[in-house]
Amino acid sequence: QDELHPPQNSEDCPICFETIKHVYSKTISRLYCCGGWVCDKCRNERNSTGMKKGVDEMFHGRCPLCRDTLINDSDQKRENSKILEHANNGRAWAQSLVGTWYMDGTYGFA
């Protein structure tokens, strides 16, 4: 059934090509460098590999989609800058995120 009529809100992960039937913030992880995303399974595999060896063995510190340097969780200023850039370029997910920050007064947006 899904092969003939896939769910409308489904996408394939660009790394493992698994179909994510319901794409939302709990099933994917956004890559803020390019605005792309990977499924949580790939993200969790990358995180577990990196934690074991202390380095990013799976992606080698680079985004698997655009090859830009991945943004560290501790570099909030660079992450916010990239998200704001995506919002200014008309990306709906980024505009929603920045709007929420403005409303909440978080991450330096007030």
Foldseek 3Di string as FASTA:
>chain_A
DCVVPNAPQWDAFPPPRDIDRHDDPVQWDAQLQVRDIGGVVVVVVQVVVCVVVVARPPLRQADPPPRHGGDDPVPLVVSLVSLVVVVVVPDPVSVVVLVVCCVVVPPPHD
